[in-house]
Amino acid sequence: MPTVQQIYDVLAALAPVDLAEDWDNVGLLVDAGRPVTRVMTTLDITTDVVRQAAEAGCQLIVSHHPVIFKGLKKLSPQDVPFQLVSNGISAICMHTNLDAAEGGVNDVLAALFGLKDAENFAANCGRIGTVDETTAAALAQKAKTVLHAGVKYADAGKPIRRLALVSGGGGSFFAEAAALGADCLLTGEAGHHTALDSVALGMSLVAASHFSTERPVVPVLADLLRQKFPGLQTVCSRENDPYVYL
């Protein structure tokens, strides 16, 4: 049975802490001190995910979003970190370091969209490269199908050959993507004025939901842990986008 620290060391090699943004909180955030036979991977650690992990006999949850972000001043039973400790479950969280890491969130997203000759941008969290020629409408439809996402898009009206990808809340990187020659930015979230400004720069924009652009890394992490620790059982959480799309 591996220890939590042994599993953390493997994950830290994949996504080193020094790749994380200064404002982020990543690492072994909850250590319940138990050997690990079963791990759950997830995007978010919620009360429901803790319940799923406990019912599945997991001693560790590996998540993308930090379960502790702002400073804690007290703990009570409704707080998720309290629930983790109460159930003897540790938590390793890899956020912006996993966004930027080779083989991490954005590389997984790039592979799903056939990005070729990919380069880093957006503080190394995004990827930009070439794709087979497509349109904004066709790319949005592909995002809906591949990511099982609720999608909206702004069409600049030109073919897309150079695509920029930033998972999650990456709309703010639209100007950088346009300056690097992107015909389209595909991200999770982008605001009204971002769409207007992007089209004014001649670049289309596809917003395929924060959840759906990051969730694909969850089974990848589960597979990685199975490969690194033969005999370790892994399970992906059953979680849904908090938004319901009509």
Protein backbone atom coordinates (compact mmCIF):
# COMPACT_ATOMS: atom_id res chain seq x y z
CA MET A 1 0.00 0.00 0.00
CA PRO A 2 1.55 3.34 -1.00
CA THR A 3 1.50 6.24 1.39
CA VAL A 4 -0.14 9.55 0.59
CA GLN A 5 3.31 11.11 0.41
CA GLN A 6 4.52 8.54 -2.15
CA ILE A 7 1.52 9.27 -4.35
CA TYR A 8 2.02 13.00 -3.91
CA ASP A 9 5.67 12.70 -4.97
CA VAL A 10 4.62 11.07 -8.25
CA LEU A 11 2.00 13.73 -8.92
CA ALA A 12 4.41 16.53 -8.00
CA ALA A 13 6.83 15.16 -10.59
CA LEU A 14 4.05 15.41 -13.19
CA ALA A 15 2.93 18.89 -12.14
CA PRO A 16 5.67 20.60 -10.10
CA VAL A 17 4.46 23.11 -7.53
CA ASP A 18 6.64 25.84 -9.05
CA LEU A 19 4.40 25.78 -12.14
CA ALA A 20 1.48 27.05 -10.04
CA GLU A 21 0.49 30.71 -10.03
CA ASP A 22 1.45 32.71 -6.93
CA TRP A 23 -2.19 33.16 -5.90
CA ASP A 24 -2.96 29.44 -6.09
CA ASN A 25 -3.02 26.83 -3.32
CA VAL A 26 -1.83 23.41 -4.44
CA GLY A 27 -0.26 20.30 -2.96
CA LEU A 28 -1.14 17.86 -0.20
CA LEU A 29 -3.82 20.02 1.40
CA VAL A 30 -5.40 17.43 3.71
CA ASP A 31 -3.35 14.57 5.17
CA ALA A 32 -5.41 12.01 7.07
CA GLY A 33 -2.32 9.84 7.58
CA ARG A 34 -3.74 6.59 6.22
CA PRO A 35 -2.12 4.15 3.75
CA VAL A 36 -3.88 4.19 0.39
CA THR A 37 -5.51 1.26 -1.36
CA ARG A 38 -8.07 3.20 -3.39
CA VAL A 39 -8.01 6.72 -4.87
CA MET A 40 -10.78 8.87 -6.33
CA THR A 41 -9.94 11.45 -9.00
CA THR A 42 -12.22 14.44 -9.51
CA LEU A 43 -12.41 18.00 -10.73
CA ASP A 44 -13.89 19.40 -7.50
CA ILE A 45 -14.05 18.09 -3.95
CA THR A 46 -17.60 18.66 -2.75
CA THR A 47 -19.68 17.16 0.03
CA ASP A 48 -21.14 14.74 -2.50
CA VAL A 49 -17.71 13.72 -3.80
CA VAL A 50 -16.52 13.07 -0.22
CA ARG A 51 -19.59 10.88 0.29
CA GLN A 52 -18.85 8.97 -2.92
CA ALA A 53 -15.22 8.48 -1.88
CA ALA A 54 -16.18 7.23 1.57
CA GLU A 55 -18.75 4.81 0.15
CA ALA A 56 -16.15 3.53 -2.35
CA GLY A 57 -13.59 2.94 0.40
CA CYS A 58 -11.14 5.58 -0.84
CA GLN A 59 -8.46 6.94 1.46
CA LEU A 60 -7.37 9.70 -0.94
CA ILE A 61 -8.98 12.14 -3.38
CA VAL A 62 -6.91 13.76 -6.11
CA SER A 63 -8.58 16.87 -7.50
CA HIS A 64 -7.89 19.72 -9.90
CA HIS A 65 -9.52 22.52 -7.93
CA PRO A 66 -8.16 23.21 -4.43
CA VAL A 67 -10.34 22.07 -1.53
CA ILE A 68 -8.75 24.82 0.58
CA PHE A 69 -8.26 28.09 -1.26
CA LYS A 70 -8.70 31.02 1.10
CA GLY A 71 -7.31 30.99 4.62
CA LEU A 72 -9.33 28.89 7.06
CA LYS A 73 -10.25 30.55 10.34
CA LYS A 74 -12.49 27.80 11.69
CA LEU A 75 -13.77 24.33 10.78
CA SER A 76 -17.23 22.88 11.28
CA PRO A 77 -19.10 19.80 9.99
CA GLN A 78 -20.44 21.62 6.91
CA ASP A 79 -16.91 22.40 5.73
CA VAL A 80 -15.52 19.94 3.17
CA PRO A 81 -12.00 19.76 4.74
CA PHE A 82 -13.68 18.77 8.03
CA GLN A 83 -15.65 16.07 6.19
CA LEU A 84 -12.47 14.73 4.62
CA VAL A 85 -10.69 14.36 7.95
CA SER A 86 -13.80 12.91 9.59
CA ASN A 87 -13.83 10.18 6.94
CA GLY A 88 -10.07 9.60 7.08
CA ILE A 89 -9.63 10.84 3.49
CA SER A 90 -6.60 12.84 2.34
CA ALA A 91 -6.68 15.37 -0.50
CA ILE A 92 -4.05 16.25 -3.11
CA CYS A 93 -4.97 19.23 -5.28
CA MET A 94 -3.20 20.26 -8.50
CA HIS A 95 -4.61 23.38 -10.10
CA THR A 96 -2.66 25.87 -12.24
CA ASN A 97 0.39 23.62 -12.04
CA LEU A 98 -1.64 20.87 -13.72
CA ASP A 99 -2.97 23.37 -16.27
CA ALA A 100 0.59 24.18 -17.30
CA ALA A 101 2.19 20.75 -16.90
CA GLU A 102 3.22 18.59 -19.84
CA GLY A 103 0.51 15.94 -20.09
CA GLY A 104 -1.79 18.04 -17.91
CA VAL A 105 -5.18 19.65 -18.45
CA ASN A 106 -4.40 21.67 -21.55
CA ASP A 107 -2.38 18.95 -23.26
CA VAL A 108 -5.32 16.60 -22.76
CA LEU A 109 -7.62 19.25 -24.26
CA ALA A 110 -5.21 19.85 -27.15
CA ALA A 111 -5.18 16.13 -27.99
CA LEU A 112 -8.99 16.02 -28.07
CA PHE A 113 -9.04 18.79 -30.69
CA GLY A 114 -6.16 17.51 -32.80
CA LEU A 115 -3.82 20.41 -32.09
CA LYS A 116 -0.55 20.05 -33.98
CA ASP A 117 2.81 21.74 -33.37
CA ALA A 118 1.49 23.02 -30.06
CA GLU A 119 3.30 25.77 -28.17
CA ASN A 120 2.68 27.20 -24.72
CA PHE A 121 1.10 30.58 -24.10
CA ALA A 122 -1.08 32.24 -21.44
CA ALA A 123 1.56 31.94 -18.72
CA ASN A 124 2.23 28.41 -20.00
CA CYS A 125 -1.31 27.35 -19.08
CA GLY A 126 -2.64 27.47 -22.66
CA ARG A 127 -1.67 25.80 -25.91
CA ILE A 128 -1.68 27.21 -29.45
CA GLY A 129 -1.11 25.32 -32.70
CA THR A 130 -2.61 24.27 -35.99
CA VAL A 131 -5.72 22.23 -36.73
CA ASP A 132 -7.36 20.95 -39.88
CA GLU A 133 -9.28 23.85 -41.39
CA THR A 134 -12.69 24.32 -39.80
CA THR A 135 -15.25 27.00 -38.94
CA ALA A 136 -16.38 28.47 -35.64
CA ALA A 137 -19.74 26.72 -35.95
CA ALA A 138 -18.14 23.33 -36.70
CA LEU A 139 -15.62 23.75 -33.87
CA ALA A 140 -18.40 24.65 -31.44
CA GLN A 141 -20.34 21.57 -32.51
CA LYS A 142 -17.25 19.42 -32.03
CA ALA A 143 -16.78 20.87 -28.54
CA LYS A 144 -20.39 20.04 -27.72
CA THR A 145 -19.93 16.46 -28.92
CA VAL A 146 -16.44 15.72 -27.61
CA LEU A 147 -16.74 17.50 -24.27
CA HIS A 148 -20.47 16.87 -23.70
CA ALA A 149 -20.63 20.59 -23.08
CA GLY A 150 -23.05 23.46 -23.19
CA VAL A 151 -21.37 25.69 -25.80
CA LYS A 152 -21.65 29.27 -27.02
CA TYR A 153 -19.51 30.87 -29.70
CA ALA A 154 -18.76 34.18 -31.40
CA ASP A 155 -17.93 33.89 -35.10
CA ALA A 156 -15.40 36.24 -36.70
CA GLY A 157 -16.38 34.81 -40.08
CA LYS A 158 -13.13 33.33 -41.29
CA PRO A 159 -11.65 29.83 -41.50
CA ILE A 160 -9.92 28.47 -38.42
CA ARG A 161 -6.48 26.99 -39.00
CA ARG A 162 -4.62 28.21 -35.92
CA LEU A 163 -6.35 27.41 -32.64
CA ALA A 164 -5.61 28.59 -29.10
CA LEU A 165 -6.85 26.55 -26.13
CA VAL A 166 -7.09 27.59 -22.47
CA SER A 167 -9.13 25.38 -20.17
CA GLY A 168 -11.41 26.84 -17.51
CA GLY A 169 -11.70 30.59 -17.13
CA GLY A 170 -9.35 31.53 -19.96
CA GLY A 171 -11.32 34.22 -21.77
CA SER A 172 -9.00 36.96 -20.54
CA PHE A 173 -6.23 35.58 -22.76
CA PHE A 174 -8.08 36.46 -25.99
CA ALA A 175 -5.80 39.39 -26.90
CA GLU A 176 -2.65 37.33 -26.37
CA ALA A 177 -4.11 34.54 -28.51
CA ALA A 178 -4.99 36.99 -31.28
CA ALA A 179 -1.51 38.56 -31.16
CA LEU A 180 -0.04 35.07 -31.66
CA GLY A 181 -2.09 34.63 -34.82
CA ALA A 182 -4.92 32.48 -33.50
CA ASP A 183 -8.04 32.32 -35.64
CA CYS A 184 -10.03 31.15 -32.62
CA LEU A 185 -9.73 30.81 -28.86
CA LEU A 186 -11.46 27.82 -27.30
CA THR A 187 -11.88 28.16 -23.54
CA GLY A 188 -14.30 27.40 -20.74
CA GLU A 189 -15.58 30.83 -19.79
CA ALA A 190 -15.61 34.22 -21.51
CA GLY A 191 -17.71 37.32 -20.97
CA HIS A 192 -19.86 39.45 -23.27
CA HIS A 193 -17.26 42.14 -23.90
CA THR A 194 -14.55 39.54 -24.41
CA ALA A 195 -16.60 38.11 -27.28
CA LEU A 196 -17.11 41.56 -28.80
CA ASP A 197 -13.43 42.46 -28.52
CA SER A 198 -12.30 39.09 -29.84
CA VAL A 199 -14.42 39.37 -32.98
CA ALA A 200 -13.23 42.97 -33.45
CA LEU A 201 -9.69 41.55 -33.58
CA GLY A 202 -10.82 39.06 -36.24
CA MET A 203 -10.70 36.04 -33.94
CA SER A 204 -13.57 33.68 -33.18
CA LEU A 205 -14.29 32.54 -29.65
CA VAL A 206 -15.75 29.26 -28.38
CA ALA A 207 -16.77 28.96 -24.71
CA ALA A 208 -17.41 25.31 -23.81
CA SER A 209 -17.89 25.63 -20.01
CA HIS A 210 -15.31 25.63 -17.24
CA PHE A 211 -16.32 22.14 -16.14
CA SER A 212 -16.26 20.50 -19.55
CA THR A 213 -12.90 21.89 -20.66
CA GLU A 214 -11.21 20.59 -17.48
CA ARG A 215 -13.07 17.38 -16.65
CA PRO A 216 -11.22 15.28 -19.33
CA VAL A 217 -8.08 15.25 -17.17
CA VAL A 218 -9.86 13.30 -14.41
CA PRO A 219 -9.69 9.82 -16.05
CA VAL A 220 -6.16 10.61 -17.26
CA LEU A 221 -5.04 11.07 -13.66
CA ALA A 222 -6.74 7.81 -12.67
CA ASP A 223 -4.90 5.95 -15.45
CA LEU A 224 -1.57 7.52 -14.47
CA LEU A 225 -1.92 6.41 -10.86
CA ARG A 226 -2.80 2.85 -11.91
CA GLN A 227 0.32 2.73 -14.07
CA LYS A 228 2.60 4.13 -11.37
CA PHE A 229 1.21 2.01 -8.55
CA PRO A 230 0.23 -1.48 -9.76
CA GLY A 231 -2.49 -2.83 -7.53
CA LEU A 232 -3.75 0.61 -6.52
CA GLN A 233 -7.45 0.89 -7.27
CA THR A 234 -8.68 4.13 -8.82
CA VAL A 235 -12.16 5.44 -9.46
CA CYS A 236 -13.42 8.67 -11.05
CA SER A 237 -16.02 10.69 -9.20
CA ARG A 238 -19.54 11.01 -10.52
CA GLU A 239 -19.82 14.77 -10.76
CA ASN A 240 -21.73 17.07 -13.04
CA ASP A 241 -21.36 20.62 -14.23
CA PRO A 242 -23.00 22.83 -11.58
CA TYR A 243 -24.78 24.62 -14.41
CA VAL A 244 -27.77 23.11 -16.19
CA TYR A 245 -27.96 24.06 -19.87
CA LEU A 246 -31.35 24.43 -21.53
